[in-house]
């Protein structure tokens, strides 16, 4: 899963979303942010990118234990 460290957005938001959704541990973190969860469950890549960029601690999202 590649993301832009500068702004926290995904390089490929759909592939990124699919990888996050497939990981139960990461979904636990995502479900804590209702707006992020709704964005990731949509096909609106702009909405996904905005929410990923606004996530308060992207390191937690991207490095949740597997």
PDB file of N, CA and C in Angstrom:
ATOM      1  N   UNK A   1       0.851  -1.169   0.000  1.00  0.00           N
ATOM      2  CA  UNK A   1       0.000   0.000   0.000  1.00  0.00           C
ATOM      3  C   UNK A   1       0.895   1.230   0.000  1.00  0.00           C
ATOM      4  N   UNK A   2       0.825   1.955  -1.072  1.00  0.00           N
ATOM      5  CA  UNK A   2       1.652   3.157  -1.176  1.00  0.00           C
ATOM      6  C   UNK A   2       0.829   4.397  -0.861  1.00  0.00           C
ATOM      7  N   UNK A   3       1.408   5.253  -0.029  1.00  0.00           N
ATOM      8  CA  UNK A   3       0.742   6.516   0.265  1.00  0.00           C
ATOM      9  C   UNK A   3       1.757   7.640   0.190  1.00  0.00           C
ATOM     10  N   UNK A   4       1.241   8.831  -0.027  1.00  0.00           N
ATOM     11  CA  UNK A   4       2.073  10.021  -0.101  1.00  0.00           C
ATOM     12  C   UNK A   4       2.332  10.519   1.314  1.00  0.00           C
ATOM     13  N   UNK A   5       3.569  10.430   1.755  1.00  0.00           N
ATOM     14  CA  UNK A   5       3.890  10.831   3.125  1.00  0.00           C
ATOM     15  C   UNK A   5       3.635  12.312   3.376  1.00  0.00           C
ATOM     16  N   UNK A   6       3.756  13.115   2.333  1.00  0.00           N
ATOM     17  CA  UNK A   6       3.562  14.558   2.490  1.00  0.00           C
ATOM     18  C   UNK A   6       2.148  14.924   2.921  1.00  0.00           C
ATOM     19  N   UNK A   7       1.149  14.313   2.263  1.00  0.00           N
ATOM     20  CA  UNK A   7      -0.235  14.714   2.553  1.00  0.00           C
ATOM     21  C   UNK A   7      -1.119  13.569   3.040  1.00  0.00           C
ATOM     22  N   UNK A   8      -0.575  12.364   3.156  1.00  0.00           N
ATOM     23  CA  UNK A   8      -1.334  11.248   3.695  1.00  0.00           C
ATOM     24  C   UNK A   8      -2.316  10.600   2.738  1.00  0.00           C
ATOM     25  N   UNK A   9      -2.326  11.024   1.465  1.00  0.00           N
ATOM     26  CA  UNK A   9      -3.237  10.430   0.501  1.00  0.00           C
ATOM     27  C   UNK A   9      -2.625   9.160  -0.087  1.00  0.00           C
ATOM     28  N   UNK A  10      -3.456   8.382  -0.750  1.00  0.00           N
ATOM     29  CA  UNK A  10      -3.008   7.132  -1.361  1.00  0.00           C
ATOM     30  C   UNK A  10      -2.536   7.382  -2.790  1.00  0.00           C
ATOM     31  N   UNK A  11      -1.510   6.647  -3.209  1.00  0.00           N
ATOM     32  CA  UNK A  11      -1.052   6.729  -4.590  1.00  0.00           C
ATOM     33  C   UNK A  11      -2.136   6.184  -5.513  1.00  0.00           C
ATOM     34  N   UNK A  12      -2.715   5.045  -5.165  1.00  0.00           N
ATOM     35  CA  UNK A  12      -3.830   4.442  -5.909  1.00  0.00           C
ATOM     36  C   UNK A  12      -4.960   4.225  -4.908  1.00  0.00           C
ATOM     37  N   UNK A  13      -5.889   5.182  -4.807  1.00  0.00           N
ATOM     38  CA  UNK A  13      -6.888   5.113  -3.739  1.00  0.00           C
ATOM     39  C   UNK A  13      -7.778   3.876  -3.751  1.00  0.00           C
ATOM     40  N   UNK A  14      -8.112   3.352  -4.913  1.00  0.00           N
ATOM     41  CA  UNK A  14      -8.980   2.170  -4.955  1.00  0.00           C
ATOM     42  C   UNK A  14      -8.231   0.927  -4.482  1.00  0.00           C
ATOM     43  N   UNK A  15      -7.017   0.720  -4.959  1.00  0.00           N
ATOM     44  CA  UNK A  15      -6.213  -0.418  -4.502  1.00  0.00           C
ATOM     45  C   UNK A  15      -5.906  -0.281  -3.011  1.00  0.00           C
ATOM     46  N   UNK A  16      -5.637   0.933  -2.590  1.00  0.00           N
ATOM     47  CA  UNK A  16      -5.351   1.206  -1.194  1.00  0.00           C
ATOM     48  C   UNK A  16      -6.564   0.862  -0.333  1.00  0.00           C
ATOM     49  N   UNK A  17      -7.735   1.336  -0.769  1.00  0.00           N
ATOM     50  CA  UNK A  17      -8.990   1.053  -0.058  1.00  0.00           C
ATOM     51  C   UNK A  17      -9.218  -0.453   0.039  1.00  0.00           C
ATOM     52  N   UNK A  18      -9.053  -1.149  -1.079  1.00  0.00           N
ATOM     53  CA  UNK A  18      -9.296  -2.586  -1.094  1.00  0.00           C
ATOM     54  C   UNK A  18      -8.373  -3.321  -0.124  1.00  0.00           C
ATOM     55  N   UNK A  19      -7.108  -2.895  -0.062  1.00  0.00           N
ATOM     56  CA  UNK A  19      -6.154  -3.520   0.856  1.00  0.00           C
ATOM     57  C   UNK A  19      -6.525  -3.236   2.310  1.00  0.00           C
ATOM     58  N   UNK A  20      -6.951  -2.014   2.599  1.00  0.00           N
ATOM     59  CA  UNK A  20      -7.347  -1.671   3.968  1.00  0.00           C
ATOM     60  C   UNK A  20      -8.575  -2.461   4.399  1.00  0.00           C
ATOM     61  N   UNK A  21      -9.563  -2.528   3.530  1.00  0.00           N
ATOM     62  CA  UNK A  21     -10.809  -3.219   3.854  1.00  0.00           C
ATOM     63  C   UNK A  21     -10.567  -4.722   4.063  1.00  0.00           C
ATOM     64  N   UNK A  22      -9.595  -5.278   3.385  1.00  0.00           N
ATOM     65  CA  UNK A  22      -9.303  -6.705   3.495  1.00  0.00           C
ATOM     66  C   UNK A  22      -8.570  -7.058   4.793  1.00  0.00           C
ATOM     67  N   UNK A  23      -8.076  -6.050   5.497  1.00  0.00           N
ATOM     68  CA  UNK A  23      -7.287  -6.283   6.710  1.00  0.00           C
ATOM     69  C   UNK A  23      -8.151  -6.002   7.951  1.00  0.00           C
ATOM     70  N   UNK A  24      -8.550  -7.044   8.699  1.00  0.00           N
ATOM     71  CA  UNK A  24      -9.431  -6.850   9.855  1.00  0.00           C
ATOM     72  C   UNK A  24      -8.856  -5.905  10.918  1.00  0.00           C
ATOM     73  N   UNK A  25      -7.550  -5.947  11.135  1.00  0.00           N
ATOM     74  CA  UNK A  25      -6.940  -5.079  12.139  1.00  0.00           C
ATOM     75  C   UNK A  25      -7.010  -3.616  11.720  1.00  0.00           C
ATOM     76  N   UNK A  26      -6.767  -3.356  10.454  1.00  0.00           N
ATOM     77  CA  UNK A  26      -6.852  -1.978   9.961  1.00  0.00           C
ATOM     78  C   UNK A  26      -8.304  -1.493   9.953  1.00  0.00           C
ATOM     79  N   UNK A  27      -9.241  -2.401   9.669  1.00  0.00           N
ATOM     80  CA  UNK A  27     -10.653  -2.014   9.684  1.00  0.00           C
ATOM     81  C   UNK A  27     -11.092  -1.592  11.085  1.00  0.00           C
ATOM     82  N   UNK A  28     -10.528  -2.189  12.123  1.00  0.00           N
ATOM     83  CA  UNK A  28     -10.859  -1.783  13.490  1.00  0.00           C
ATOM     84  C   UNK A  28     -10.488  -0.318  13.707  1.00  0.00           C
ATOM     85  N   UNK A  29      -9.326   0.072  13.202  1.00  0.00           N
ATOM     86  CA  UNK A  29      -8.872   1.462  13.332  1.00  0.00           C
ATOM     87  C   UNK A  29      -9.759   2.371  12.488  1.00  0.00           C
ATOM     88  N   UNK A  30     -10.049   1.950  11.263  1.00  0.00           N
ATOM     89  CA  UNK A  30     -10.859   2.754  10.339  1.00  0.00           C
ATOM     90  C   UNK A  30     -12.257   2.982  10.902  1.00  0.00           C
ATOM     91  N   UNK A  31     -12.854   1.954  11.484  1.00  0.00           N
ATOM     92  CA  UNK A  31     -14.223   2.061  11.991  1.00  0.00           C
ATOM     93  C   UNK A  31     -14.359   3.070  13.125  1.00  0.00           C
ATOM     94  N   UNK A  32     -13.254   3.457  13.737  1.00  0.00           N
ATOM     95  CA  UNK A  32     -13.292   4.476  14.787  1.00  0.00           C
ATOM     96  C   UNK A  32     -13.559   5.865  14.215  1.00  0.00           C
ATOM     97  N   UNK A  33     -13.313   6.042  12.932  1.00  0.00           N
ATOM     98  CA  UNK A  33     -13.550   7.325  12.250  1.00  0.00           C
ATOM     99  C   UNK A  33     -14.675   7.100  11.248  1.00  0.00           C
ATOM    100  N   UNK A  34     -15.891   7.479  11.641  1.00  0.00           N
ATOM    101  CA  UNK A  34     -17.079   7.195  10.829  1.00  0.00           C
ATOM    102  C   UNK A  34     -16.981   7.803   9.428  1.00  0.00           C
ATOM    103  N   UNK A  35     -16.435   9.000   9.321  1.00  0.00           N
ATOM    104  CA  UNK A  35     -16.316   9.641   8.006  1.00  0.00           C
ATOM    105  C   UNK A  35     -15.307   8.914   7.126  1.00  0.00           C
ATOM    106  N   UNK A  36     -14.196   8.500   7.712  1.00  0.00           N
ATOM    107  CA  UNK A  36     -13.200   7.742   6.955  1.00  0.00           C
ATOM    108  C   UNK A  36     -13.797   6.415   6.507  1.00  0.00           C
ATOM    109  N   UNK A  37     -14.489   5.750   7.392  1.00  0.00           N
ATOM    110  CA  UNK A  37     -15.111   4.469   7.067  1.00  0.00           C
ATOM    111  C   UNK A  37     -16.097   4.629   5.908  1.00  0.00           C
ATOM    112  N   UNK A  38     -16.958   5.650   5.984  1.00  0.00           N
ATOM    113  CA  UNK A  38     -17.933   5.889   4.912  1.00  0.00           C
ATOM    114  C   UNK A  38     -17.230   6.193   3.595  1.00  0.00           C
ATOM    115  N   UNK A  39     -16.165   6.969   3.653  1.00  0.00           N
ATOM    116  CA  UNK A  39     -15.428   7.309   2.424  1.00  0.00           C
ATOM    117  C   UNK A  39     -14.814   6.061   1.807  1.00  0.00           C
ATOM    118  N   UNK A  40     -14.202   5.215   2.625  1.00  0.00           N
ATOM    119  CA  UNK A  40     -13.558   4.012   2.103  1.00  0.00           C
ATOM    120  C   UNK A  40     -14.559   3.007   1.552  1.00  0.00           C
ATOM    121  N   UNK A  41     -15.773   3.044   2.056  1.00  0.00           N
ATOM    122  CA  UNK A  41     -16.791   2.122   1.548  1.00  0.00           C
ATOM    123  C   UNK A  41     -17.490   2.664   0.302  1.00  0.00           C
ATOM    124  N   UNK A  42     -17.106   3.859  -0.124  1.00  0.00           N
ATOM    125  CA  UNK A  42     -17.680   4.451  -1.334  1.00  0.00           C
ATOM    126  C   UNK A  42     -16.701   4.257  -2.500  1.00  0.00           C
ATOM    127  N   UNK A  43     -17.134   4.629  -3.679  1.00  0.00           N
ATOM    128  CA  UNK A  43     -16.255   4.597  -4.850  1.00  0.00           C
ATOM    129  C   UNK A  43     -15.760   6.002  -5.207  1.00  0.00           C
ATOM    130  N   UNK A  44     -15.992   6.950  -4.320  1.00  0.00           N
ATOM    131  CA  UNK A  44     -15.631   8.350  -4.552  1.00  0.00           C
ATOM    132  C   UNK A  44     -14.166   8.557  -4.158  1.00  0.00           C
ATOM    133  N   UNK A  45     -13.271   8.471  -5.146  1.00  0.00           N
ATOM    134  CA  UNK A  45     -11.841   8.556  -4.849  1.00  0.00           C
ATOM    135  C   UNK A  45     -11.447   9.911  -4.254  1.00  0.00           C
ATOM    136  N   UNK A  46     -12.102  10.974  -4.665  1.00  0.00           N
ATOM    137  CA  UNK A  46     -11.788  12.295  -4.098  1.00  0.00           C
ATOM    138  C   UNK A  46     -12.121  12.308  -2.606  1.00  0.00           C
ATOM    139  N   UNK A  47     -13.255  11.737  -2.264  1.00  0.00           N
ATOM    140  CA  UNK A  47     -13.673  11.672  -0.854  1.00  0.00           C
ATOM    141  C   UNK A  47     -12.697  10.806  -0.053  1.00  0.00           C
ATOM    142  N   UNK A  48     -12.272   9.696  -0.637  1.00  0.00           N
ATOM    143  CA  UNK A  48     -11.295   8.827   0.025  1.00  0.00           C
ATOM    144  C   UNK A  48     -10.010   9.606   0.300  1.00  0.00           C
ATOM    145  N   UNK A  49      -9.519  10.311  -0.703  1.00  0.00           N
ATOM    146  CA  UNK A  49      -8.264  11.051  -0.566  1.00  0.00           C
ATOM    147  C   UNK A  49      -8.371  12.144   0.496  1.00  0.00           C
ATOM    148  N   UNK A  50      -9.487  12.854   0.513  1.00  0.00           N
ATOM    149  CA  UNK A  50      -9.678  13.921   1.508  1.00  0.00           C
ATOM    150  C   UNK A  50      -9.646  13.330   2.908  1.00  0.00           C
ATOM    151  N   UNK A  51     -10.355  12.230   3.109  1.00  0.00           N
ATOM    152  CA  UNK A  51     -10.403  11.619   4.440  1.00  0.00           C
ATOM    153  C   UNK A  51      -9.058  11.031   4.845  1.00  0.00           C
ATOM    154  N   UNK A  52      -8.360  10.387   3.914  1.00  0.00           N
ATOM    155  CA  UNK A  52      -7.040   9.853   4.250  1.00  0.00           C
ATOM    156  C   UNK A  52      -6.096  10.978   4.642  1.00  0.00           C
ATOM    157  N   UNK A  53      -6.152  12.079   3.895  1.00  0.00           N
ATOM    158  CA  UNK A  53      -5.283  13.221   4.190  1.00  0.00           C
ATOM    159  C   UNK A  53      -5.611  13.883   5.514  1.00  0.00           C
ATOM    160  N   UNK A  54      -6.856  13.746   5.970  1.00  0.00           N
ATOM    161  CA  UNK A  54      -7.292  14.383   7.216  1.00  0.00           C
ATOM    162  C   UNK A  54      -7.168  13.458   8.423  1.00  0.00           C
ATOM    163  N   UNK A  55      -6.803  12.198   8.185  1.00  0.00           N
ATOM    164  CA  UNK A  55      -6.707  11.258   9.300  1.00  0.00           C
ATOM    165  C   UNK A  55      -5.674  11.785  10.291  1.00  0.00           C
ATOM    166  N   UNK A  56      -6.047  11.891  11.571  1.00  0.00           N
ATOM    167  CA  UNK A  56      -5.180  12.547  12.551  1.00  0.00           C
ATOM    168  C   UNK A  56      -3.817  11.894  12.744  1.00  0.00           C
ATOM    169  N   UNK A  57      -3.723  10.603  12.558  1.00  0.00           N
ATOM    170  CA  UNK A  57      -2.451   9.926  12.727  1.00  0.00           C
ATOM    171  C   UNK A  57      -2.323   8.825  11.680  1.00  0.00           C
ATOM    172  N   UNK A  58      -1.924   9.188  10.451  1.00  0.00           N
ATOM    173  CA  UNK A  58      -1.875   8.189   9.389  1.00  0.00           C
ATOM    174  C   UNK A  58      -0.974   7.005   9.703  1.00  0.00           C
ATOM    175  N   UNK A  59       0.070   7.205  10.503  1.00  0.00           N
ATOM    176  CA  UNK A  59       0.948   6.086  10.841  1.00  0.00           C
ATOM    177  C   UNK A  59       0.180   4.970  11.534  1.00  0.00           C
ATOM    178  N   UNK A  60      -0.790   5.313  12.367  1.00  0.00           N
ATOM    179  CA  UNK A  60      -1.608   4.308  13.051  1.00  0.00           C
ATOM    180  C   UNK A  60      -2.432   3.514  12.044  1.00  0.00           C
ATOM    181  N   UNK A  61      -3.001   4.219  11.085  1.00  0.00           N
ATOM    182  CA  UNK A  61      -3.823   3.563  10.077  1.00  0.00           C
ATOM    183  C   UNK A  61      -2.980   2.640   9.212  1.00  0.00           C
ATOM    184  N   UNK A  62      -1.847   3.129   8.763  1.00  0.00           N
ATOM    185  CA  UNK A  62      -1.040   2.384   7.794  1.00  0.00           C
ATOM    186  C   UNK A  62      -0.169   1.319   8.423  1.00  0.00           C
ATOM    187  N   UNK A  63       0.033   1.390   9.726  1.00  0.00           N
ATOM    188  CA  UNK A  63       0.908   0.402  10.363  1.00  0.00           C
ATOM    189  C   UNK A  63       0.192  -0.372  11.457  1.00  0.00           C
ATOM    190  N   UNK A  64      -1.134  -0.420  11.396  1.00  0.00           N
ATOM    191  CA  UNK A  64      -1.864  -1.202  12.397  1.00  0.00           C
ATOM    192  C   UNK A  64      -1.350  -2.640  12.360  1.00  0.00           C
ATOM    193  N   UNK A  65      -1.239  -3.273  13.511  1.00  0.00           N
ATOM    194  CA  UNK A  65      -0.676  -4.629  13.535  1.00  0.00           C
ATOM    195  C   UNK A  65      -1.452  -5.587  12.644  1.00  0.00           C
ATOM    196  N   UNK A  66      -0.723  -6.506  12.054  1.00  0.00           N
ATOM    197  CA  UNK A  66      -1.359  -7.516  11.200  1.00  0.00           C
ATOM    198  C   UNK A  66      -1.299  -8.871  11.857  1.00  0.00           C
TER     199      UNK A  66
END
